[in-house]
Amino acid sequence: MGPLNREVTGKNFPAMSCVDVAALMEKRAKVEIEATAVVPDL
């Protein structure tokens, strides 16, 4: 995935992750989403 990601994003390298799981936490869940946020100093 790294070369494809660089082809799409160019010289900006945002954080990314790729995880393979056997099961999700909730039985009815179909996807799991991971997010990273920056909270500026107020």
C-alpha atoms as a PDB file:
ATOM      1  CA  MET A   1       0.000   0.000   0.000  1.00  0.00           C
ATOM      2  CA  GLY A   2       2.898   2.377   0.594  1.00  0.00           C
ATOM      3  CA  PRO A   3       3.835   2.975  -3.075  1.00  0.00           C
ATOM      4  CA  LEU A   4       0.182   3.438  -4.071  1.00  0.00           C
ATOM      5  CA  ASN A   5      -0.370   5.870  -1.184  1.00  0.00           C
ATOM      6  CA  ARG A   6       2.667   7.934  -2.246  1.00  0.00           C
ATOM      7  CA  GLU A   7       1.382   7.972  -5.837  1.00  0.00           C
ATOM      8  CA  VAL A   8      -1.959   9.396  -4.682  1.00  0.00           C
ATOM      9  CA  THR A   9      -0.805  11.789  -1.933  1.00  0.00           C
ATOM     10  CA  GLY A  10       2.399  13.060  -3.571  1.00  0.00           C
ATOM     11  CA  LYS A  11       4.988  14.539  -1.236  1.00  0.00           C
ATOM     12  CA  ASN A  12       2.601  14.870   1.715  1.00  0.00           C
ATOM     13  CA  PHE A  13       2.745  11.779   3.883  1.00  0.00           C
ATOM     14  CA  PRO A  14      -0.308  11.665   6.177  1.00  0.00           C
ATOM     15  CA  ALA A  15      -0.413   9.016   8.865  1.00  0.00           C
ATOM     16  CA  MET A  16      -2.001   5.753   7.799  1.00  0.00           C
ATOM     17  CA  SER A  17      -2.599   2.322   9.196  1.00  0.00           C
ATOM     18  CA  CYS A  18      -3.732  -0.986   7.803  1.00  0.00           C
ATOM     19  CA  VAL A  19      -5.009  -3.601  10.232  1.00  0.00           C
ATOM     20  CA  ASP A  20      -6.324  -7.106   9.622  1.00  0.00           C
ATOM     21  CA  VAL A  21      -8.641  -8.346  12.378  1.00  0.00           C
ATOM     22  CA  ALA A  22     -10.414 -11.633  13.004  1.00  0.00           C
ATOM     23  CA  ALA A  23     -13.502  -9.987  14.521  1.00  0.00           C
ATOM     24  CA  LEU A  24     -14.805  -6.572  15.494  1.00  0.00           C
ATOM     25  CA  MET A  25     -15.822  -5.569  19.018  1.00  0.00           C
ATOM     26  CA  GLU A  26     -19.568  -5.357  18.309  1.00  0.00           C
ATOM     27  CA  LYS A  27     -21.308  -8.389  16.789  1.00  0.00           C
ATOM     28  CA  ARG A  28     -23.363  -6.221  14.403  1.00  0.00           C
ATOM     29  CA  ALA A  29     -20.396  -4.061  13.294  1.00  0.00           C
ATOM     30  CA  LYS A  30     -19.462  -4.165   9.634  1.00  0.00           C
ATOM     31  CA  VAL A  31     -16.455  -1.796   9.708  1.00  0.00           C
ATOM     32  CA  GLU A  32     -14.084  -0.288  12.238  1.00  0.00           C
ATOM     33  CA  ILE A  33     -12.817   3.264  11.755  1.00  0.00           C
ATOM     34  CA  GLU A  34      -9.628   4.709  13.216  1.00  0.00           C
ATOM     35  CA  ALA A  35      -9.058   8.454  13.360  1.00  0.00           C
ATOM     36  CA  THR A  36      -6.291  10.772  14.470  1.00  0.00           C
ATOM     37  CA  ALA A  37      -7.125  14.323  15.508  1.00  0.00           C
ATOM     38  CA  VAL A  38      -5.095  17.381  16.437  1.00  0.00           C
ATOM     39  CA  VAL A  39      -6.531  19.589  19.182  1.00  0.00           C
ATOM     40  CA  PRO A  40      -4.939  23.036  19.047  1.00  0.00           C
ATOM     41  CA  ASP A  41      -3.954  24.866  22.233  1.00  0.00           C
ATOM     42  CA  LEU A  42      -6.678  27.306  23.223  1.00  0.00           C
END
